[in-house]
């Protein structure tokens, strides 16, 4: 499973989402869109969202820290 978290260092919901994933032992790549312009462009083109977190799971996007949707896609406890 390929999981990417598009985030910024100052985003509290990004920190919460990454902590939630770590607690469930989900490996992910943290993509800092404040420093990676190409990743920010990719995120915006795919989701039409400029806000973070945006989480990509095997090509499916979760906008914001939506625990229920994440749990469903990852097949873990909410």
N, C-alpha and C. Protein backbone atom coordinates (compact mmCIF):
# COMPACT_ATOMS: atom_id res chain seq x y z
N UNK A 1 0.85 -1.17 0.00
CA UNK A 1 0.00 0.00 0.00
C UNK A 1 0.89 1.24 0.00
N UNK A 2 0.58 2.19 -0.85
CA UNK A 2 1.34 3.42 -0.98
C UNK A 2 0.55 4.56 -0.36
N UNK A 3 1.07 5.13 0.73
CA UNK A 3 0.40 6.21 1.45
C UNK A 3 1.31 7.43 1.48
N UNK A 4 0.75 8.57 1.05
CA UNK A 4 1.49 9.83 1.09
C UNK A 4 0.64 10.84 1.85
N UNK A 5 1.29 11.57 2.74
CA UNK A 5 0.63 12.65 3.47
C UNK A 5 1.21 13.96 2.98
N UNK A 6 0.40 14.74 2.29
CA UNK A 6 0.81 16.07 1.84
C UNK A 6 0.50 17.02 2.99
N UNK A 7 1.55 17.66 3.50
CA UNK A 7 1.40 18.44 4.72
C UNK A 7 2.33 19.64 4.72
N UNK A 8 2.20 20.44 5.79
CA UNK A 8 3.15 21.52 6.07
C UNK A 8 3.55 21.41 7.53
N UNK A 9 4.71 21.94 7.89
CA UNK A 9 5.19 21.83 9.27
C UNK A 9 4.31 22.54 10.31
N UNK A 10 3.55 23.54 9.88
CA UNK A 10 2.76 24.33 10.82
C UNK A 10 1.30 23.90 10.93
N UNK A 11 0.93 22.83 10.27
CA UNK A 11 -0.46 22.39 10.22
C UNK A 11 -0.77 21.42 11.36
N UNK A 12 -1.60 21.82 12.34
CA UNK A 12 -1.90 20.91 13.46
C UNK A 12 -2.66 19.66 13.03
N UNK A 13 -3.54 19.78 12.04
CA UNK A 13 -4.28 18.60 11.58
C UNK A 13 -3.36 17.62 10.86
N UNK A 14 -2.31 18.13 10.24
CA UNK A 14 -1.31 17.26 9.60
C UNK A 14 -0.61 16.42 10.66
N UNK A 15 -0.21 17.07 11.75
CA UNK A 15 0.45 16.36 12.84
C UNK A 15 -0.49 15.29 13.41
N UNK A 16 -1.75 15.65 13.62
CA UNK A 16 -2.72 14.68 14.16
C UNK A 16 -2.89 13.50 13.20
N UNK A 17 -2.98 13.78 11.90
CA UNK A 17 -3.16 12.70 10.92
C UNK A 17 -1.94 11.77 10.91
N UNK A 18 -0.74 12.35 10.94
CA UNK A 18 0.48 11.53 10.93
C UNK A 18 0.60 10.71 12.21
N UNK A 19 0.24 11.30 13.34
CA UNK A 19 0.26 10.55 14.60
C UNK A 19 -0.74 9.40 14.56
N UNK A 20 -1.92 9.65 14.01
CA UNK A 20 -2.96 8.63 13.89
C UNK A 20 -2.45 7.47 13.03
N UNK A 21 -1.80 7.78 11.92
CA UNK A 21 -1.26 6.74 11.06
C UNK A 21 -0.16 5.94 11.78
N UNK A 22 0.72 6.65 12.49
CA UNK A 22 1.80 5.98 13.22
C UNK A 22 1.24 5.04 14.29
N UNK A 23 0.19 5.48 14.99
CA UNK A 23 -0.43 4.66 16.03
C UNK A 23 -0.97 3.35 15.45
N UNK A 24 -1.38 3.40 14.20
CA UNK A 24 -1.93 2.21 13.54
C UNK A 24 -0.87 1.48 12.71
N UNK A 25 0.37 1.90 12.88
CA UNK A 25 1.52 1.27 12.22
C UNK A 25 1.40 1.29 10.69
N UNK A 26 0.83 2.37 10.17
CA UNK A 26 0.72 2.56 8.73
C UNK A 26 1.95 3.34 8.27
N UNK A 27 2.71 2.74 7.38
CA UNK A 27 3.88 3.44 6.83
C UNK A 27 3.42 4.44 5.78
N UNK A 28 4.03 5.61 5.81
CA UNK A 28 3.64 6.65 4.86
C UNK A 28 4.85 7.51 4.53
N UNK A 29 4.72 8.22 3.42
CA UNK A 29 5.71 9.21 3.03
C UNK A 29 5.14 10.58 3.36
N UNK A 30 5.89 11.37 4.10
CA UNK A 30 5.47 12.72 4.45
C UNK A 30 6.01 13.67 3.39
N UNK A 31 5.11 14.36 2.71
CA UNK A 31 5.49 15.28 1.63
C UNK A 31 5.20 16.70 2.09
N UNK A 32 6.24 17.48 2.31
CA UNK A 32 6.12 18.85 2.77
C UNK A 32 5.87 19.75 1.56
N UNK A 33 4.62 20.14 1.36
CA UNK A 33 4.28 20.96 0.19
C UNK A 33 4.73 22.41 0.35
N UNK A 34 5.15 22.80 1.54
CA UNK A 34 5.70 24.14 1.73
C UNK A 34 7.09 24.24 1.10
N UNK A 35 7.78 23.11 0.99
CA UNK A 35 9.13 23.10 0.42
C UNK A 35 9.19 22.46 -0.96
N UNK A 36 8.21 21.66 -1.30
CA UNK A 36 8.24 20.91 -2.57
C UNK A 36 7.15 21.44 -3.50
N UNK A 37 7.53 22.38 -4.35
CA UNK A 37 6.57 23.03 -5.25
C UNK A 37 5.93 22.03 -6.22
N UNK A 38 6.70 21.07 -6.70
CA UNK A 38 6.16 20.07 -7.63
C UNK A 38 5.10 19.22 -6.94
N UNK A 39 5.33 18.85 -5.70
CA UNK A 39 4.35 18.05 -4.95
C UNK A 39 3.10 18.87 -4.67
N UNK A 40 3.28 20.15 -4.36
CA UNK A 40 2.12 21.02 -4.13
C UNK A 40 1.29 21.13 -5.40
N UNK A 41 1.94 21.29 -6.53
CA UNK A 41 1.24 21.38 -7.82
C UNK A 41 0.49 20.08 -8.10
N UNK A 42 1.12 18.95 -7.87
CA UNK A 42 0.49 17.65 -8.07
C UNK A 42 -0.76 17.53 -7.19
N UNK A 43 -0.63 17.86 -5.92
CA UNK A 43 -1.75 17.77 -4.99
C UNK A 43 -2.92 18.65 -5.46
N UNK A 44 -2.63 19.87 -5.85
CA UNK A 44 -3.67 20.79 -6.28
C UNK A 44 -4.33 20.31 -7.57
N UNK A 45 -3.52 19.84 -8.53
CA UNK A 45 -4.08 19.35 -9.79
C UNK A 45 -4.99 18.14 -9.58
N UNK A 46 -4.60 17.24 -8.67
CA UNK A 46 -5.37 16.02 -8.44
C UNK A 46 -6.62 16.24 -7.61
N UNK A 47 -6.59 17.22 -6.68
CA UNK A 47 -7.69 17.36 -5.73
C UNK A 47 -8.42 18.70 -5.79
N UNK A 48 -7.83 19.67 -6.47
CA UNK A 48 -8.35 21.04 -6.48
C UNK A 48 -8.31 21.67 -5.09
N UNK A 49 -7.50 21.11 -4.19
CA UNK A 49 -7.37 21.59 -2.82
C UNK A 49 -6.02 22.25 -2.62
N UNK A 50 -6.01 23.34 -1.89
CA UNK A 50 -4.77 24.00 -1.53
C UNK A 50 -4.46 23.78 -0.06
N UNK A 51 -5.47 23.37 0.70
CA UNK A 51 -5.28 23.14 2.13
C UNK A 51 -4.76 21.74 2.40
N UNK A 52 -4.10 21.59 3.55
CA UNK A 52 -3.57 20.31 3.97
C UNK A 52 -4.20 19.94 5.31
N UNK A 53 -4.21 18.70 5.68
CA UNK A 53 -3.57 17.58 5.01
C UNK A 53 -4.41 17.04 3.86
N UNK A 54 -3.71 16.50 2.90
CA UNK A 54 -4.31 15.69 1.84
C UNK A 54 -3.54 14.37 1.90
N UNK A 55 -4.29 13.29 1.97
CA UNK A 55 -3.65 11.98 2.10
C UNK A 55 -4.02 11.13 0.89
N UNK A 56 -2.99 10.62 0.22
CA UNK A 56 -3.19 9.78 -0.95
C UNK A 56 -2.90 8.33 -0.57
N UNK A 57 -3.89 7.47 -0.81
CA UNK A 57 -3.75 6.04 -0.52
C UNK A 57 -4.00 5.29 -1.81
N UNK A 58 -2.94 4.75 -2.37
CA UNK A 58 -3.04 4.00 -3.63
C UNK A 58 -3.87 4.75 -4.67
N UNK A 59 -3.61 6.04 -4.84
CA UNK A 59 -4.28 6.82 -5.87
C UNK A 59 -5.62 7.42 -5.47
N UNK A 60 -6.11 7.10 -4.27
CA UNK A 60 -7.35 7.70 -3.79
C UNK A 60 -7.00 8.78 -2.77
N UNK A 61 -7.72 9.89 -2.82
CA UNK A 61 -7.38 11.03 -1.98
C UNK A 61 -8.39 11.23 -0.86
N UNK A 62 -7.86 11.54 0.31
CA UNK A 62 -8.67 11.92 1.46
C UNK A 62 -8.30 13.36 1.77
N UNK A 63 -9.31 14.22 1.76
CA UNK A 63 -9.10 15.64 2.02
C UNK A 63 -9.33 15.88 3.51
N UNK A 64 -8.33 16.45 4.16
CA UNK A 64 -8.45 16.69 5.59
C UNK A 64 -8.19 15.42 6.38
N UNK A 65 -8.34 15.53 7.68
CA UNK A 65 -8.10 14.39 8.57
C UNK A 65 -9.43 13.70 8.84
N UNK A 66 -9.88 12.92 7.87
CA UNK A 66 -11.15 12.18 7.94
C UNK A 66 -10.85 10.76 8.42
N UNK A 67 -10.93 10.56 9.74
CA UNK A 67 -10.58 9.27 10.34
C UNK A 67 -11.37 8.11 9.76
N UNK A 68 -12.67 8.30 9.59
CA UNK A 68 -13.53 7.22 9.10
C UNK A 68 -13.13 6.79 7.69
N UNK A 69 -12.90 7.77 6.83
CA UNK A 69 -12.52 7.44 5.45
C UNK A 69 -11.14 6.80 5.41
N UNK A 70 -10.21 7.32 6.21
CA UNK A 70 -8.87 6.72 6.27
C UNK A 70 -8.95 5.27 6.76
N UNK A 71 -9.69 5.05 7.82
CA UNK A 71 -9.82 3.71 8.39
C UNK A 71 -10.41 2.75 7.35
N UNK A 72 -11.41 3.22 6.62
CA UNK A 72 -12.04 2.38 5.60
C UNK A 72 -11.05 2.02 4.48
N UNK A 73 -10.33 3.00 3.99
CA UNK A 73 -9.37 2.73 2.89
C UNK A 73 -8.19 1.89 3.35
N UNK A 74 -7.77 2.10 4.60
CA UNK A 74 -6.60 1.39 5.12
C UNK A 74 -6.95 0.07 5.80
N UNK A 75 -8.27 -0.13 6.02
CA UNK A 75 -8.76 -1.33 6.71
C UNK A 75 -8.12 -1.47 8.11
N UNK A 76 -8.22 -0.36 8.87
CA UNK A 76 -7.74 -0.31 10.26
C UNK A 76 -8.86 0.26 11.14
N UNK A 77 -8.64 0.20 12.45
CA UNK A 77 -9.62 0.78 13.39
C UNK A 77 -9.63 2.29 13.27
N UNK A 78 -10.84 2.87 13.35
CA UNK A 78 -10.94 4.36 13.26
C UNK A 78 -10.29 5.08 14.42
